[in-house]
Amino acid sequence: MEAIAFSLAYAIPALGAAIGVGLIGNGALNAAGRNPEKVSQIQQLMILAIVFAEALAIIGIVVAILSTIMV
């Protein structure tokens, strides 16, 4: 039962982060297509947004590990 709880505790934030990264990439590609001369600025903002989205997955694995240890 603990293995299922650990899997869900990590899978849900990782799924959210993956969807978020996909949406960020989609938005960045649309913005680059509309305004090609600003690609470098768009790329910087995209990487920053991806870092914040991936932080959710890292926080999820830390919470999953801590909740497994505490129980």
N, C-alpha and C. Protein backbone atom coordinates (compact mmCIF):
# COMPACT_ATOMS: atom_id res chain seq x y z
N MET A 1 0.81 -1.19 0.00
CA MET A 1 0.00 0.00 0.00
C MET A 1 0.86 1.26 0.00
N GLU A 2 2.00 1.21 0.70
CA GLU A 2 2.88 2.37 0.73
C GLU A 2 3.49 2.63 -0.63
N ALA A 3 3.73 1.57 -1.40
CA ALA A 3 4.30 1.76 -2.73
C ALA A 3 3.32 2.48 -3.65
N ILE A 4 2.06 2.17 -3.52
CA ILE A 4 1.04 2.85 -4.33
C ILE A 4 0.94 4.31 -3.93
N ALA A 5 0.98 4.58 -2.63
CA ALA A 5 0.92 5.97 -2.15
C ALA A 5 2.13 6.76 -2.62
N PHE A 6 3.32 6.14 -2.56
CA PHE A 6 4.53 6.81 -3.04
C PHE A 6 4.44 7.09 -4.53
N SER A 7 3.95 6.11 -5.28
CA SER A 7 3.83 6.28 -6.73
C SER A 7 2.88 7.41 -7.08
N LEU A 8 1.74 7.47 -6.42
CA LEU A 8 0.78 8.53 -6.69
C LEU A 8 1.27 9.89 -6.20
N ALA A 9 1.98 9.90 -5.08
CA ALA A 9 2.49 11.16 -4.54
C ALA A 9 3.51 11.78 -5.47
N TYR A 10 4.21 10.95 -6.26
CA TYR A 10 5.15 11.51 -7.22
C TYR A 10 4.53 11.65 -8.60
N ALA A 11 3.67 10.75 -8.99
CA ALA A 11 3.14 10.74 -10.36
C ALA A 11 2.26 11.95 -10.64
N ILE A 12 1.48 12.37 -9.68
CA ILE A 12 0.56 13.49 -9.92
C ILE A 12 1.32 14.80 -10.13
N PRO A 13 2.29 15.18 -9.29
CA PRO A 13 3.06 16.40 -9.59
C PRO A 13 3.89 16.28 -10.87
N ALA A 14 4.42 15.09 -11.15
CA ALA A 14 5.20 14.91 -12.37
C ALA A 14 4.32 15.06 -13.60
N LEU A 15 3.10 14.56 -13.54
CA LEU A 15 2.17 14.72 -14.65
C LEU A 15 1.82 16.19 -14.85
N GLY A 16 1.59 16.90 -13.75
CA GLY A 16 1.30 18.32 -13.84
C GLY A 16 2.46 19.10 -14.43
N ALA A 17 3.68 18.75 -14.02
CA ALA A 17 4.86 19.42 -14.57
C ALA A 17 5.02 19.12 -16.05
N ALA A 18 4.77 17.89 -16.46
CA ALA A 18 4.89 17.53 -17.87
C ALA A 18 3.87 18.27 -18.73
N ILE A 19 2.66 18.38 -18.25
CA ILE A 19 1.64 19.13 -18.99
C ILE A 19 2.02 20.60 -19.05
N GLY A 20 2.52 21.13 -17.94
CA GLY A 20 2.95 22.52 -17.90
C GLY A 20 4.08 22.81 -18.88
N VAL A 21 5.06 21.93 -18.95
CA VAL A 21 6.17 22.12 -19.88
C VAL A 21 5.67 22.06 -21.32
N GLY A 22 4.74 21.18 -21.59
CA GLY A 22 4.18 21.11 -22.94
C GLY A 22 3.44 22.39 -23.32
N LEU A 23 2.67 22.93 -22.39
CA LEU A 23 1.96 24.18 -22.66
C LEU A 23 2.93 25.35 -22.82
N ILE A 24 3.99 25.36 -22.02
CA ILE A 24 5.00 26.41 -22.13
C ILE A 24 5.68 26.34 -23.50
N GLY A 25 6.05 25.15 -23.92
CA GLY A 25 6.67 24.99 -25.23
C GLY A 25 5.75 25.40 -26.36
N ASN A 26 4.48 25.04 -26.24
CA ASN A 26 3.50 25.43 -27.26
C ASN A 26 3.38 26.95 -27.34
N GLY A 27 3.28 27.60 -26.19
CA GLY A 27 3.18 29.05 -26.18
C GLY A 27 4.43 29.73 -26.72
N ALA A 28 5.59 29.18 -26.39
CA ALA A 28 6.84 29.77 -26.87
C ALA A 28 6.96 29.63 -28.38
N LEU A 29 6.59 28.48 -28.91
CA LEU A 29 6.66 28.31 -30.36
C LEU A 29 5.67 29.21 -31.09
N ASN A 30 4.48 29.38 -30.53
CA ASN A 30 3.53 30.31 -31.13
C ASN A 30 4.06 31.74 -31.10
N ALA A 31 4.64 32.13 -29.97
CA ALA A 31 5.20 33.49 -29.86
C ALA A 31 6.36 33.69 -30.82
N ALA A 32 7.21 32.67 -30.97
CA ALA A 32 8.35 32.79 -31.89
C ALA A 32 7.87 32.85 -33.33
N GLY A 33 6.81 32.17 -33.65
CA GLY A 33 6.27 32.22 -35.00
C GLY A 33 5.67 33.58 -35.33
N ARG A 34 5.10 34.22 -34.35
CA ARG A 34 4.49 35.54 -34.58
C ARG A 34 5.52 36.66 -34.57
N ASN A 35 6.60 36.47 -33.81
CA ASN A 35 7.58 37.54 -33.64
C ASN A 35 9.00 36.95 -33.71
N PRO A 36 9.49 36.62 -34.90
CA PRO A 36 10.76 35.90 -35.02
C PRO A 36 11.98 36.67 -34.53
N GLU A 37 11.93 37.99 -34.52
CA GLU A 37 13.10 38.75 -34.10
C GLU A 37 13.31 38.74 -32.58
N LYS A 38 12.34 38.26 -31.84
CA LYS A 38 12.43 38.19 -30.38
C LYS A 38 12.67 36.77 -29.88
N VAL A 39 13.19 35.91 -30.72
CA VAL A 39 13.34 34.49 -30.36
C VAL A 39 14.25 34.31 -29.14
N SER A 40 15.33 35.09 -29.04
CA SER A 40 16.25 34.91 -27.91
C SER A 40 15.57 35.27 -26.59
N GLN A 41 14.77 36.35 -26.57
CA GLN A 41 14.06 36.72 -25.35
C GLN A 41 12.98 35.69 -25.01
N ILE A 42 12.31 35.19 -26.03
CA ILE A 42 11.28 34.18 -25.81
C ILE A 42 11.90 32.91 -25.25
N GLN A 43 13.08 32.55 -25.78
CA GLN A 43 13.76 31.35 -25.32
C GLN A 43 14.17 31.48 -23.85
N GLN A 44 14.67 32.64 -23.46
CA GLN A 44 15.06 32.86 -22.07
C GLN A 44 13.85 32.73 -21.13
N LEU A 45 12.75 33.34 -21.52
CA LEU A 45 11.54 33.25 -20.70
C LEU A 45 10.99 31.83 -20.65
N MET A 46 11.11 31.12 -21.77
CA MET A 46 10.62 29.74 -21.82
C MET A 46 11.44 28.86 -20.87
N ILE A 47 12.75 29.01 -20.88
CA ILE A 47 13.60 28.20 -20.01
C ILE A 47 13.31 28.51 -18.54
N LEU A 48 13.11 29.78 -18.20
CA LEU A 48 12.78 30.15 -16.84
C LEU A 48 11.44 29.54 -16.41
N ALA A 49 10.46 29.58 -17.28
CA ALA A 49 9.15 29.00 -16.95
C ALA A 49 9.24 27.49 -16.81
N ILE A 50 10.05 26.84 -17.63
CA ILE A 50 10.22 25.38 -17.53
C ILE A 50 10.89 25.01 -16.21
N VAL A 51 11.84 25.83 -15.77
CA VAL A 51 12.50 25.56 -14.48
C VAL A 51 11.47 25.62 -13.35
N PHE A 52 10.59 26.62 -13.38
CA PHE A 52 9.57 26.71 -12.34
C PHE A 52 8.60 25.53 -12.41
N ALA A 53 8.25 25.10 -13.60
CA ALA A 53 7.34 23.96 -13.74
C ALA A 53 8.00 22.67 -13.26
N GLU A 54 9.27 22.50 -13.55
CA GLU A 54 9.97 21.29 -13.12
C GLU A 54 10.22 21.29 -11.62
N ALA A 55 10.23 22.46 -11.00
CA ALA A 55 10.37 22.52 -9.55
C ALA A 55 9.21 21.81 -8.87
N LEU A 56 8.04 21.82 -9.51
CA LEU A 56 6.89 21.09 -8.96
C LEU A 56 7.17 19.60 -8.86
N ALA A 57 7.80 19.05 -9.88
CA ALA A 57 8.12 17.62 -9.85
C ALA A 57 9.16 17.32 -8.78
N ILE A 58 10.12 18.20 -8.61
CA ILE A 58 11.14 18.00 -7.57
C ILE A 58 10.51 18.08 -6.19
N ILE A 59 9.64 19.06 -5.98
CA ILE A 59 8.94 19.16 -4.70
C ILE A 59 8.08 17.92 -4.47
N GLY A 60 7.46 17.42 -5.52
CA GLY A 60 6.64 16.22 -5.41
C GLY A 60 7.43 15.00 -4.96
N ILE A 61 8.63 14.81 -5.50
CA ILE A 61 9.43 13.65 -5.10
C ILE A 61 9.93 13.82 -3.67
N VAL A 62 10.26 15.04 -3.27
CA VAL A 62 10.71 15.27 -1.89
C VAL A 62 9.57 15.00 -0.92
N VAL A 63 8.38 15.46 -1.24
CA VAL A 63 7.23 15.22 -0.37
C VAL A 63 6.91 13.72 -0.31
N ALA A 64 7.01 13.04 -1.44
CA ALA A 64 6.74 11.60 -1.46
C ALA A 64 7.75 10.85 -0.60
N ILE A 65 9.00 11.22 -0.69
CA ILE A 65 10.03 10.56 0.13
C ILE A 65 9.81 10.85 1.60
N LEU A 66 9.56 12.13 1.92
CA LEU A 66 9.35 12.48 3.33
C LEU A 66 8.11 11.82 3.91
N SER A 67 7.06 11.73 3.13
CA SER A 67 5.85 11.09 3.65
C SER A 67 6.06 9.59 3.84
N THR A 68 6.90 8.98 3.02
CA THR A 68 7.20 7.56 3.17
C THR A 68 8.06 7.34 4.42
N ILE A 69 8.98 8.24 4.67
CA ILE A 69 9.86 8.10 5.84
C ILE A 69 9.09 8.35 7.12
N MET A 70 8.20 9.32 7.12
CA MET A 70 7.49 9.69 8.33
C MET A 70 6.47 8.64 8.77
N VAL A 71 5.97 7.84 7.83
CA VAL A 71 4.94 6.86 8.18
C VAL A 71 5.52 5.63 8.80
